[in-house]
Amino acid sequence: MQLALDIPALRRPDPEPHTGRPLARRTDYGRIMILCPAGHLVQSVAAGDWAGSRIEARVGNPNYTVTCHGAL
């Protein structure tokens, strides 16, 4: 017989969302990674598709923010 325990102290709380300016980092394997302020991946774009893209314009806008709910 297996007992199901529902003890709040044993459960991990939901992570607090990270909100702020995104970070754009180029990788060695030809991608641009868009990261939340805590360093979690938000979006990945091929380096060849980056120049002139909508996401490049958004990341360049000082008022643009991203919200991340933790690592996947």
Protein backbone atom coordinates (compact mmCIF):
# COMPACT_ATOMS: atom_id res chain seq x y z
CA MET A 1 0.00 0.00 0.00
CA GLN A 2 1.36 3.39 -0.98
CA LEU A 3 0.45 6.52 0.93
CA ALA A 4 0.22 9.86 -0.81
CA LEU A 5 1.62 12.65 1.30
CA ASP A 6 0.58 16.21 0.65
CA ILE A 7 2.87 18.12 2.96
CA PRO A 8 3.38 21.72 1.79
CA ALA A 9 6.91 21.82 3.21
CA LEU A 10 7.97 19.00 0.85
CA ARG A 11 6.65 20.67 -2.30
CA ARG A 12 8.76 23.15 -4.23
CA PRO A 13 7.07 26.53 -4.51
CA ASP A 14 6.35 27.94 -7.95
CA PRO A 15 9.28 30.09 -9.06
CA GLU A 16 8.89 33.84 -9.04
CA PRO A 17 8.86 35.23 -12.58
CA HIS A 18 11.92 37.13 -13.76
CA THR A 19 11.04 40.33 -15.56
CA GLY A 20 13.46 42.76 -17.12
CA ARG A 21 15.62 43.63 -20.09
CA PRO A 22 16.63 40.59 -22.14
CA LEU A 23 20.25 39.68 -22.78
CA ALA A 24 21.40 38.69 -26.27
CA ARG A 25 24.42 36.37 -26.51
CA ARG A 26 26.06 34.88 -29.60
CA THR A 27 27.06 31.22 -29.36
CA ASP A 28 30.02 29.42 -30.91
CA TYR A 29 27.63 27.30 -32.98
CA GLY A 30 25.95 30.15 -34.90
CA ARG A 31 22.93 31.11 -32.83
CA ILE A 32 21.81 34.19 -30.94
CA MET A 33 20.35 33.29 -27.55
CA ILE A 34 17.88 35.68 -25.92
CA LEU A 35 18.02 35.25 -22.14
CA CYS A 36 15.92 36.58 -19.27
CA PRO A 37 17.73 38.63 -16.59
CA ALA A 38 18.32 35.42 -14.59
CA GLY A 39 19.94 33.72 -17.59
CA HIS A 40 17.12 31.39 -18.66
CA LEU A 41 16.58 30.86 -22.38
CA VAL A 42 13.67 32.85 -23.81
CA GLN A 43 14.34 32.48 -27.55
CA SER A 44 17.02 31.22 -29.91
CA VAL A 45 17.58 32.67 -33.40
CA ALA A 46 19.96 31.54 -36.13
CA ALA A 47 22.73 34.13 -36.49
CA GLY A 48 21.97 34.49 -40.21
CA ASP A 49 18.36 35.41 -39.43
CA TRP A 50 19.25 37.92 -36.68
CA ALA A 51 20.18 41.04 -38.70
CA GLY A 52 17.06 43.05 -39.48
CA SER A 53 14.74 40.66 -37.63
CA ARG A 54 11.84 41.72 -35.45
CA ILE A 55 13.44 40.22 -32.35
CA GLU A 56 16.66 42.19 -32.98
CA ALA A 57 14.58 45.39 -33.09
CA ARG A 58 12.77 44.43 -29.88
CA VAL A 59 15.95 43.56 -27.98
CA GLY A 60 17.45 46.87 -29.11
CA ASN A 61 14.46 48.81 -27.73
CA PRO A 62 15.28 50.01 -24.16
CA ASN A 63 11.59 49.71 -23.16
CA TYR A 64 11.26 46.05 -24.21
CA THR A 65 11.13 43.52 -21.35
CA VAL A 66 10.69 39.77 -21.11
CA THR A 67 9.01 37.70 -18.40
CA CYS A 68 10.36 34.25 -17.57
CA HIS A 69 8.80 31.77 -15.18
CA GLY A 70 11.96 29.78 -14.62
CA ALA A 71 14.04 27.22 -16.43
CA LEU A 72 12.24 24.60 -18.47
